[in-house]
Amino acid sequence: GVAKPVHAEAVVGAGAWGATRATVDGGWVWTAAVQSPGASGLRLRLRGLRLPADTELFAYTEAGALAGPFSGNGPRGTGELWLPALPGDTAYLQLRRYGPGGPEPTAQASFVLDAVGHLGAAFGAAAAGAKSFCDYNASCIVNLSCVEPAPAVADARDAVALMLFVDEPYLYACSGGLLNTTANDGTPYFLTANHCLSTGEVAATLETFFQWSVDCGAPCPEQWGTPIGVPSLLGAEVLATDRVGDYTLLRLDAAAAPPGTVLLGWTNEPVAFNHEQPLYRVSHPALAPQAYSEHRVDTGATACLQWPRGSWIYSRDVVGATEGGSSGSPVVNADGLVVGQLSGSCGLLAWFPCLSRWHATADGAFASYYGEVEPWLDPGSVCSDDDDGDGFIAVACGGDDCDDADPSVNPGADEVCDNGIDDDCDLAIDGEDPDCSLCLPAGAACSSGVECCSGRCRWLLRTCR
């Protein structure tokens, strides 16, 4: 697909674009159409989004697809928003102001439509041969619903998502999957490939569609057609990414993953040199619904020049295959644990998915970059040097700060003698701390011996011995 620049200012009541109608509650509705002839789907970018508290924005199609409501300055509060994908070549933008608010529209609600993402038709003719899936897939691609998949992918089918995103001037698709943490806290971390997505600007445009599949033998949806009726999320934040290992770890813009989805486990045990180890995958090749493939690690496969074995896992396809759109899909071991994510193919005729004897499948190795994602996926294993920023390292990390969550507590602090806290980390609290003694220490000014802890006051120097 391609993102085409446009410029249409939607200032309600002040422009010719769109139409406004009063509502019986004293508010109003403003609606305008956006059309890109020949598109199988649209994504619209809004900038300068500014909606008062009583106004909401929707986007919809005549067939009933709906996105929204959106409010304020958009989900990220920036005033910029790529709307979710809507099927067809025509979409409608609608502002709804809830009354009573006066008989006339106000200019408070406004935005600029400044780009239209045109989702095109099929990439091209599929490879020749008997079809086992969609017309736009290679003949060796296997519909997940048409096989009895290995138990290893029982969770993957509920964790893998189709990704649609915008990296101007084009629209792209990849695959990725949800990852769990050792804390099992439900945070929607999401793994995909660096070559798919690696910047915060692009991550903000991401839409993820989960659990999208079709029954065996059922008609495939139109390529680039938007999945309807499946869970989806809009937006993400890049946490860690690197070309080495070709990975990107995202946090999706949601408090939790969609209901019914699964967060995948993982292992940092290396598999790149374990010849014949079985691997399994669910992906979205060429933007098709979920497809299935099996692979075996091949330590004899020739590695690509800039993809060294160890940072990448090389395998041969055994069942099914991958193609464009599968990139970023997690690959799991026999226990269903993520060990990497798809980079692509390497070898002769790598652009023909069904000729796997001539080329190998290459996955970025999770074990090779685990240390870079460990702070998020295994938060308990990471020891911070100085969480509270007071300049002292926590006891748990080998330092002497007895409370690294409170900057007022550290070995350099003064003991407060009546708060029940060991402020200076000397293992003595309040009156038990020598700093809080009622008598004067040696060298302190004195007028008599009874004032000194030693009982002696130097008469000439007027200091305690």
Protein backbone atom coordinates (compact mmCIF):
# COMPACT_ATOMS: atom_id res chain seq x y z
CA GLY A 1 0.00 0.00 0.00
CA VAL A 2 0.95 3.64 -0.28
CA ALA A 3 0.34 6.68 1.91
CA LYS A 4 -0.78 9.65 -0.17
CA PRO A 5 -0.52 13.20 1.21
CA VAL A 6 -3.72 15.27 1.20
CA HIS A 7 -4.88 18.34 3.07
CA ALA A 8 -8.45 18.68 4.29
CA GLU A 9 -9.17 20.90 7.28
CA ALA A 10 -12.14 19.81 9.32
CA VAL A 11 -13.19 22.86 11.30
CA VAL A 12 -16.81 22.23 12.07
CA GLY A 13 -19.11 25.02 11.00
CA ALA A 14 -16.34 26.91 9.21
CA GLY A 15 -15.54 24.87 6.10
CA ALA A 16 -17.23 23.45 3.03
CA TRP A 17 -15.95 19.89 3.51
CA GLY A 18 -18.53 17.62 5.08
CA ALA A 19 -22.04 18.32 6.31
CA THR A 20 -23.40 19.26 9.74
CA ARG A 21 -26.80 18.50 11.21
CA ALA A 22 -28.32 19.48 14.56
CA THR A 23 -29.46 16.72 16.89
CA VAL A 24 -32.53 16.59 19.12
CA ASP A 25 -30.44 16.79 22.28
CA GLY A 26 -29.08 20.21 21.31
CA GLY A 27 -25.80 18.95 19.91
CA TRP A 28 -24.72 18.24 16.34
CA VAL A 29 -23.22 15.65 14.00
CA TRP A 30 -20.62 16.45 11.32
CA THR A 31 -19.83 13.84 8.65
CA ALA A 32 -17.48 13.77 5.66
CA ALA A 33 -16.47 11.07 3.16
CA VAL A 34 -12.95 10.06 2.15
CA GLN A 35 -12.51 7.99 -0.99
CA SER A 36 -9.51 6.43 -2.73
CA PRO A 37 -10.87 4.59 -5.82
CA GLY A 38 -9.70 1.01 -6.19
CA ALA A 39 -8.52 0.59 -2.61
CA SER A 40 -9.30 -2.62 -0.75
CA GLY A 41 -8.92 -0.72 2.52
CA LEU A 42 -8.07 2.72 3.91
CA ARG A 43 -6.05 4.13 6.77
CA LEU A 44 -6.43 7.83 7.51
CA ARG A 45 -3.97 10.09 9.31
CA LEU A 46 -5.26 13.01 11.34
CA ARG A 47 -3.15 15.84 12.72
CA GLY A 48 -4.03 18.72 15.00
CA LEU A 49 -6.85 16.68 16.55
CA ARG A 50 -8.56 18.85 19.15
CA LEU A 51 -11.88 17.73 20.58
CA PRO A 52 -13.67 19.28 23.56
CA ALA A 53 -14.93 17.05 26.36
CA ASP A 54 -18.43 16.76 24.89
CA THR A 55 -17.30 15.67 21.39
CA GLU A 56 -16.21 12.29 19.98
CA LEU A 57 -14.75 11.18 16.65
CA PHE A 58 -15.75 8.02 14.75
CA ALA A 59 -14.69 6.47 11.44
CA TYR A 60 -16.89 3.94 9.68
CA THR A 61 -17.93 2.36 6.38
CA GLU A 62 -21.32 1.75 4.83
CA ALA A 63 -20.75 -1.99 5.36
CA GLY A 64 -20.70 -1.44 9.12
CA ALA A 65 -16.99 -1.44 10.02
CA LEU A 66 -16.37 1.03 12.85
CA ALA A 67 -13.38 2.65 14.58
CA GLY A 68 -13.69 4.85 17.63
CA PRO A 69 -14.82 6.72 19.54
CA PHE A 70 -11.74 8.92 19.91
CA SER A 71 -11.64 11.96 22.18
CA GLY A 72 -9.43 14.84 23.30
CA ASN A 73 -6.11 14.92 21.46
CA GLY A 74 -6.24 11.21 20.55
CA PRO A 75 -5.07 8.07 22.38
CA ARG A 76 -1.51 9.36 22.80
CA GLY A 77 -2.46 12.94 23.57
CA THR A 78 -0.34 14.25 20.69
CA GLY A 79 -3.10 15.34 18.33
CA GLU A 80 -1.74 12.92 15.70
CA LEU A 81 -3.46 9.65 14.91
CA TRP A 82 -3.39 6.99 12.19
CA LEU A 83 -6.91 5.56 12.35
CA PRO A 84 -7.37 1.77 12.26
CA ALA A 85 -7.73 0.19 8.82
CA LEU A 86 -11.23 0.18 7.33
CA PRO A 87 -12.21 -2.10 4.41
CA GLY A 88 -13.25 -0.74 1.02
CA ASP A 89 -12.40 2.41 -0.89
CA THR A 90 -14.67 4.81 1.02
CA ALA A 91 -14.65 5.74 4.71
CA TYR A 92 -16.64 8.31 6.65
CA LEU A 93 -15.35 10.56 9.40
CA GLN A 94 -17.93 11.70 11.91
CA LEU A 95 -17.81 14.14 14.82
CA ARG A 96 -20.59 13.90 17.39
CA ARG A 97 -21.13 16.72 19.85
CA TYR A 98 -23.51 15.79 22.64
CA GLY A 99 -25.97 18.49 23.71
CA PRO A 100 -27.32 20.63 24.98
CA GLY A 101 -24.67 22.90 23.57
CA GLY A 102 -26.49 25.59 21.67
CA PRO A 103 -28.14 25.62 18.24
CA GLU A 104 -25.00 26.42 16.21
CA PRO A 105 -21.86 24.32 15.69
CA THR A 106 -18.72 25.67 17.29
CA ALA A 107 -15.17 25.76 15.95
CA GLN A 108 -13.80 24.02 19.04
CA ALA A 109 -13.62 20.59 17.40
CA SER A 110 -11.02 20.46 14.64
CA PHE A 111 -8.43 18.34 12.87
CA VAL A 112 -6.62 18.06 9.54
CA LEU A 113 -6.77 14.94 7.38
CA ASP A 114 -3.29 15.03 5.87
CA ALA A 115 -2.68 11.50 4.54
CA VAL A 116 -4.71 8.64 3.13
CA GLY A 117 -3.25 5.14 3.28
CA HIS A 118 -4.39 3.24 0.18
CA LEU A 119 -4.31 -0.52 0.74
CA GLY A 120 -3.84 -2.02 -2.69
CA ALA A 121 -4.77 -5.26 -4.41
CA ALA A 122 -2.70 -8.45 -4.42
CA PHE A 123 1.09 -8.16 -4.69
CA GLY A 124 1.12 -10.35 -7.81
CA ALA A 125 0.40 -13.79 -9.16
CA ALA A 126 1.02 -16.66 -6.78
CA ALA A 127 3.47 -19.42 -7.58
CA ALA A 128 2.17 -22.10 -9.89
CA GLY A 129 0.90 -25.38 -8.50
CA ALA A 130 -1.99 -26.80 -6.52
CA LYS A 131 -3.31 -24.34 -3.94
CA SER A 132 -3.59 -25.17 -0.25
CA PHE A 133 -4.51 -21.68 0.90
CA CYS A 134 -5.28 -18.24 -0.57
CA ASP A 135 -4.84 -17.41 -4.26
CA TYR A 136 -2.19 -14.84 -3.38
CA ASN A 137 -0.09 -17.34 -1.42
CA ALA A 138 2.57 -19.66 -2.78
CA SER A 139 1.35 -23.21 -3.32
CA CYS A 140 3.27 -24.58 -0.31
CA ILE A 141 1.67 -22.23 2.25
CA VAL A 142 -0.57 -24.20 4.64
CA ASN A 143 -3.75 -22.94 6.27
CA LEU A 144 -3.46 -23.55 10.02
CA SER A 145 -7.07 -24.77 10.03
CA CYS A 146 -6.31 -27.49 7.44
CA VAL A 147 -3.78 -29.47 9.50
CA GLU A 148 -3.45 -31.04 12.90
CA PRO A 149 -0.70 -28.73 14.16
CA ALA A 150 1.91 -29.73 16.71
CA PRO A 151 0.85 -29.10 20.33
CA ALA A 152 3.71 -26.58 20.49
CA VAL A 153 1.61 -23.97 18.67
CA ALA A 154 -1.50 -24.32 20.84
CA ASP A 155 -0.64 -21.00 22.49
CA ALA A 156 0.99 -19.40 19.45
CA ARG A 157 -2.29 -19.38 17.50
CA ASP A 158 -3.72 -17.14 20.26
CA ALA A 159 -0.61 -14.95 20.57
CA VAL A 160 0.45 -14.22 16.97
CA ALA A 161 -0.95 -11.13 15.27
CA LEU A 162 -1.06 -9.64 11.79
CA MET A 163 0.63 -6.23 11.88
CA LEU A 164 -0.38 -3.32 9.65
CA PHE A 165 1.69 -0.14 9.95
CA VAL A 166 2.76 2.98 8.08
CA ASP A 167 6.36 3.91 7.27
CA GLU A 168 5.75 6.75 4.86
CA PRO A 169 5.24 6.83 2.00
CA TYR A 170 4.24 3.15 2.16
CA LEU A 171 2.02 0.82 4.20
CA TYR A 172 3.46 -2.50 5.32
CA ALA A 173 2.47 -5.78 6.94
CA CYS A 174 4.39 -8.19 9.17
CA SER A 175 3.72 -10.74 11.91
CA GLY A 176 4.57 -10.74 15.60
CA GLY A 177 3.56 -12.28 18.90
CA LEU A 178 2.81 -11.51 22.54
CA LEU A 179 5.44 -12.44 25.17
CA ASN A 180 4.95 -13.19 28.85
CA THR A 181 7.22 -12.13 31.71
CA THR A 182 8.58 -14.05 34.67
CA ALA A 183 6.34 -11.83 36.81
CA ASN A 184 3.31 -13.00 34.79
CA ASP A 185 1.90 -9.48 35.17
CA GLY A 186 -0.09 -9.40 31.92
CA THR A 187 1.88 -6.55 30.32
CA PRO A 188 1.31 -6.76 26.52
CA TYR A 189 4.92 -7.06 25.36
CA PHE A 190 5.14 -7.90 21.66
CA LEU A 191 8.03 -9.36 19.64
CA THR A 192 8.62 -8.77 15.93
CA ALA A 193 11.51 -8.10 13.53
CA ASN A 194 13.71 -5.00 13.46
CA HIS A 195 13.49 -4.87 9.67
CA CYS A 196 9.70 -4.60 10.02
CA LEU A 197 9.52 -1.84 12.61
CA SER A 198 12.18 -0.11 14.70
CA THR A 199 11.14 3.49 15.49
CA GLY A 200 8.64 5.09 17.81
CA GLU A 201 7.12 7.09 14.97
CA VAL A 202 6.24 3.94 13.03
CA ALA A 203 5.20 2.04 16.18
CA ALA A 204 2.56 4.71 16.84
CA THR A 205 0.87 3.73 13.56
CA LEU A 206 0.78 -0.01 14.32
CA GLU A 207 -2.47 -1.94 14.31
CA THR A 208 -2.32 -5.56 15.49
CA PHE A 209 -5.01 -8.15 14.65
CA PHE A 210 -5.11 -11.28 16.82
CA GLN A 211 -6.53 -14.78 16.29
CA TRP A 212 -7.35 -14.14 12.62
CA SER A 213 -7.99 -17.40 10.81
CA VAL A 214 -10.38 -18.97 8.29
CA ASP A 215 -11.85 -22.45 8.25
CA CYS A 216 -10.26 -25.05 6.02
CA GLY A 217 -11.69 -24.71 2.52
CA ALA A 218 -13.45 -21.42 3.26
CA PRO A 219 -12.89 -18.50 0.87
CA CYS A 220 -9.93 -16.31 1.72
CA PRO A 221 -10.47 -12.62 2.38
CA GLU A 222 -9.21 -10.10 -0.13
CA GLN A 223 -5.50 -9.45 0.24
CA TRP A 224 -4.96 -6.24 2.22
CA GLY A 225 -8.55 -6.62 3.35
CA THR A 226 -8.99 -5.62 6.98
CA PRO A 227 -9.75 -8.48 9.40
CA ILE A 228 -13.24 -7.95 10.83
CA GLY A 229 -14.52 -9.37 14.09
CA VAL A 230 -11.12 -10.22 15.58
CA PRO A 231 -9.41 -8.51 18.55
CA SER A 232 -7.11 -5.64 17.60
CA LEU A 233 -5.03 -2.97 19.31
CA LEU A 234 -3.80 0.39 18.01
CA GLY A 235 -0.34 1.85 18.73
CA ALA A 236 2.83 0.65 20.46
CA GLU A 237 6.08 1.83 22.07
CA VAL A 238 9.55 0.57 21.09
CA LEU A 239 11.39 -0.77 24.14
CA ALA A 240 14.43 -2.42 22.55
CA THR A 241 15.52 -3.08 18.98
CA ASP A 242 18.66 -4.10 17.09
CA ARG A 243 19.67 -5.16 13.59
CA VAL A 244 21.84 -7.87 15.15
CA GLY A 245 19.35 -10.62 15.83
CA ASP A 246 16.82 -8.57 13.82
CA TYR A 247 14.45 -8.06 16.75
CA THR A 248 12.14 -5.38 18.11
CA LEU A 249 10.42 -5.60 21.47
CA LEU A 250 7.31 -3.44 21.75
CA ARG A 251 4.84 -2.61 24.46
CA LEU A 252 1.40 -2.35 22.92
CA ASP A 253 -0.71 0.69 23.83
CA ALA A 254 -3.11 -1.13 26.13
CA ALA A 255 -3.33 -2.02 29.80
CA ALA A 256 -3.56 -5.69 28.83
CA ALA A 257 -3.71 -7.96 25.82
CA PRO A 258 -7.14 -8.51 24.20
CA PRO A 259 -9.41 -11.08 25.91
CA GLY A 260 -8.79 -14.62 24.73
CA THR A 261 -5.19 -14.01 23.66
CA VAL A 262 -2.18 -15.74 25.22
CA LEU A 263 1.23 -14.45 26.28
CA LEU A 264 3.96 -16.81 25.05
CA GLY A 265 6.70 -18.20 27.22
CA TRP A 266 10.31 -18.07 26.04
CA THR A 267 13.72 -19.56 26.71
CA ASN A 268 17.21 -18.09 26.43
CA GLU A 269 18.76 -21.52 25.81
CA PRO A 270 20.61 -21.36 22.44
CA VAL A 271 19.29 -23.59 19.65
CA ALA A 272 21.20 -22.27 16.62
CA PHE A 273 23.75 -25.14 16.83
CA ASN A 274 21.29 -27.92 17.77
CA HIS A 275 21.08 -29.77 14.45
CA GLU A 276 17.63 -31.17 13.57
CA GLN A 277 15.90 -29.53 16.53
CA PRO A 278 12.22 -29.11 15.57
CA LEU A 279 10.74 -25.61 15.38
CA TYR A 280 7.15 -24.50 14.79
CA ARG A 281 5.48 -21.30 13.61
CA VAL A 282 2.19 -19.48 13.11
CA SER A 283 2.40 -16.48 10.76
CA HIS A 284 0.49 -14.32 8.27
CA PRO A 285 2.21 -14.91 4.90
CA ALA A 286 1.28 -12.34 2.22
CA LEU A 287 -1.33 -10.92 4.65
CA ALA A 288 -3.29 -14.17 4.69
CA PRO A 289 -5.00 -15.47 7.83
CA GLN A 290 -2.98 -17.73 10.12
CA ALA A 291 -0.71 -20.20 8.36
CA TYR A 292 1.30 -23.08 9.84
CA SER A 293 4.87 -24.25 9.23
CA GLU A 294 7.36 -26.68 10.74
CA HIS A 295 11.15 -26.43 10.47
CA ARG A 296 14.29 -28.32 11.51
CA VAL A 297 17.50 -26.59 12.54
CA ASP A 298 20.19 -27.09 9.89
CA THR A 299 23.69 -26.34 11.15
CA GLY A 300 25.06 -27.09 7.69
CA ALA A 301 23.05 -24.40 5.92
CA THR A 302 25.14 -21.59 4.47
CA ALA A 303 24.70 -18.43 6.55
CA CYS A 304 23.98 -15.10 4.92
CA LEU A 305 26.90 -12.70 4.85
CA GLN A 306 25.62 -10.32 7.53
CA TRP A 307 23.56 -12.87 9.48
CA PRO A 308 26.07 -14.99 11.46
CA ARG A 309 24.90 -18.30 12.86
CA GLY A 310 24.33 -17.89 16.58
CA SER A 311 22.77 -14.47 16.18
CA TRP A 312 20.48 -16.21 13.67
CA ILE A 313 18.97 -19.71 13.61
CA TYR A 314 19.02 -21.50 10.23
CA SER A 315 16.45 -24.19 9.50
CA ARG A 316 14.80 -26.11 6.64
CA ASP A 317 11.06 -26.09 6.02
CA VAL A 318 9.41 -29.46 6.72
CA VAL A 319 5.71 -28.54 6.62
CA GLY A 320 4.44 -25.38 4.96
CA ALA A 321 6.61 -22.30 4.45
CA THR A 322 6.84 -18.57 5.03
CA GLU A 323 6.73 -15.58 2.69
CA GLY A 324 6.43 -11.81 2.77
CA GLY A 325 4.22 -10.83 5.71
CA SER A 326 5.53 -13.70 7.87
CA SER A 327 8.52 -11.60 8.94
CA GLY A 328 8.68 -11.11 12.70
CA SER A 329 6.59 -14.17 13.52
CA PRO A 330 7.83 -16.00 16.63
CA VAL A 331 9.28 -19.46 16.16
CA VAL A 332 8.81 -21.86 19.10
CA ASN A 333 10.42 -25.09 20.24
CA ALA A 334 8.64 -28.36 21.05
CA ASP A 335 7.63 -26.93 24.45
CA GLY A 336 5.96 -23.93 22.82
CA LEU A 337 8.64 -21.52 24.05
CA VAL A 338 9.82 -18.68 21.80
CA VAL A 339 13.42 -19.11 20.59
CA GLY A 340 13.48 -16.49 17.82
CA GLN A 341 11.54 -14.53 15.18
CA LEU A 342 11.59 -14.62 11.40
CA SER A 343 14.07 -12.54 9.41
CA GLY A 344 13.57 -14.24 6.04
CA SER A 345 15.26 -16.74 3.72
CA CYS A 346 18.91 -17.17 2.82
CA GLY A 347 20.40 -19.01 -0.15
CA LEU A 348 19.68 -19.67 -3.81
CA LEU A 349 16.22 -18.73 -5.12
CA ALA A 350 15.28 -17.40 -1.68
CA TRP A 351 12.40 -15.45 -3.22
CA PHE A 352 10.58 -18.71 -4.10
CA PRO A 353 9.08 -19.94 -0.80
CA CYS A 354 8.44 -23.50 -2.03
CA LEU A 355 12.04 -24.25 -3.06
CA SER A 356 13.26 -24.75 0.50
CA ARG A 357 15.90 -27.31 -0.47
CA TRP A 358 17.75 -24.43 -2.15
CA HIS A 359 17.55 -21.98 0.73
CA ALA A 360 17.23 -21.90 4.51
CA THR A 361 14.80 -20.05 6.77
CA ALA A 362 16.57 -17.58 9.05
CA ASP A 363 15.27 -16.50 12.46
CA GLY A 364 16.86 -13.94 14.77
CA ALA A 365 18.02 -15.95 17.81
CA PHE A 366 16.31 -14.93 21.05
CA ALA A 367 19.25 -16.27 23.07
CA SER A 368 21.67 -13.90 21.31
CA TYR A 369 19.88 -10.70 22.35
CA TYR A 370 18.19 -11.88 25.55
CA GLY A 371 20.33 -9.59 27.72
CA GLU A 372 18.89 -6.58 25.87
CA VAL A 373 15.25 -7.52 26.57
CA GLU A 374 15.81 -9.07 29.99
CA PRO A 375 14.93 -5.91 31.97
CA TRP A 376 11.36 -6.15 30.70
CA LEU A 377 10.84 -9.90 30.41
CA ASP A 378 12.59 -10.90 33.64
CA PRO A 379 12.46 -7.76 35.80
CA GLY A 380 13.41 -9.58 39.01
CA SER A 381 16.79 -10.60 37.60
CA VAL A 382 18.00 -7.06 36.98
CA CYS A 383 19.72 -5.30 39.88
CA SER A 384 19.66 -1.51 39.68
CA ASP A 385 22.76 0.32 40.89
CA ASP A 386 20.89 3.29 42.33
CA ASP A 387 17.10 3.34 41.98
CA ASP A 388 16.53 6.41 44.17
CA GLY A 389 19.34 8.47 42.65
CA ASP A 390 21.04 9.36 45.95
CA GLY A 391 24.48 8.25 44.77
CA PHE A 392 24.61 5.06 46.89
CA ILE A 393 24.26 1.49 45.56
CA ALA A 394 21.59 -0.77 47.04
CA VAL A 395 22.61 -3.48 49.51
CA ALA A 396 20.98 -6.08 47.25
CA CYS A 397 23.35 -5.01 44.46
CA GLY A 398 26.49 -5.16 46.62
CA GLY A 399 26.32 -1.60 47.96
CA ASP A 400 25.50 -0.13 51.37
CA ASP A 401 22.23 1.77 50.73
CA CYS A 402 19.76 0.03 53.07
CA ASP A 403 16.69 1.58 51.36
CA ASP A 404 17.24 2.23 47.65
CA ALA A 405 13.65 3.46 47.24
CA ASP A 406 14.15 6.48 49.54
CA PRO A 407 16.82 9.06 48.61
CA SER A 408 16.83 10.44 52.17
CA VAL A 409 18.07 7.10 53.52
CA ASN A 410 21.71 6.25 52.76
CA PRO A 411 25.11 6.00 54.50
CA GLY A 412 25.71 9.72 54.01
CA ALA A 413 22.46 10.88 55.64
CA ASP A 414 22.09 12.27 59.19
CA GLU A 415 20.22 10.08 61.65
CA VAL A 416 16.82 11.50 62.56
CA CYS A 417 16.35 10.52 66.19
CA ASP A 418 12.59 10.21 66.42
CA ASN A 419 11.26 8.67 63.16
CA GLY A 420 11.86 4.94 63.74
CA ILE A 421 14.13 4.67 60.64
CA ASP A 422 17.78 3.79 60.25
CA ASP A 423 18.46 6.94 58.22
CA ASP A 424 22.25 6.51 57.95
CA CYS A 425 22.25 2.72 57.40
CA ASP A 426 24.48 1.94 60.40
CA LEU A 427 22.09 -0.72 61.74
CA ALA A 428 21.07 1.50 64.68
CA ILE A 429 17.77 3.34 64.94
CA ASP A 430 16.93 6.53 66.85
CA GLY A 431 18.16 6.37 70.49
CA GLU A 432 20.22 3.25 69.78
CA ASP A 433 22.31 5.21 67.28
CA PRO A 434 25.35 6.93 68.87
CA ASP A 435 24.46 9.98 66.81
CA CYS A 436 21.37 10.38 68.98
CA SER A 437 23.11 9.97 72.38
CA LEU A 438 22.22 12.57 75.07
CA CYS A 439 25.88 12.96 76.08
CA LEU A 440 28.49 14.84 74.06
CA PRO A 441 31.12 12.90 72.07
CA ALA A 442 34.87 13.58 72.27
CA GLY A 443 35.81 16.96 70.84
CA ALA A 444 32.39 18.52 71.44
CA ALA A 445 32.21 21.85 73.28
CA CYS A 446 31.40 21.45 76.98
CA SER A 447 31.27 23.38 80.24
CA SER A 448 31.41 20.46 82.68
CA GLY A 449 32.30 16.78 82.73
CA VAL A 450 28.71 15.62 83.22
CA GLU A 451 27.90 16.81 79.72
CA CYS A 452 30.47 14.50 78.10
CA CYS A 453 30.01 10.81 77.34
CA SER A 454 33.51 10.31 78.81
CA GLY A 455 32.63 12.31 81.92
CA ARG A 456 35.64 14.53 81.32
CA CYS A 457 35.64 18.10 80.08
CA ARG A 458 38.98 19.71 79.34
CA TRP A 459 38.92 22.84 81.43
CA LEU A 460 41.29 24.91 79.27
CA LEU A 461 39.96 23.80 75.85
CA ARG A 462 36.33 23.44 76.99
CA THR A 463 35.95 20.25 74.90
CA CYS A 464 35.07 16.68 75.87
CA ARG A 465 37.94 14.22 76.12
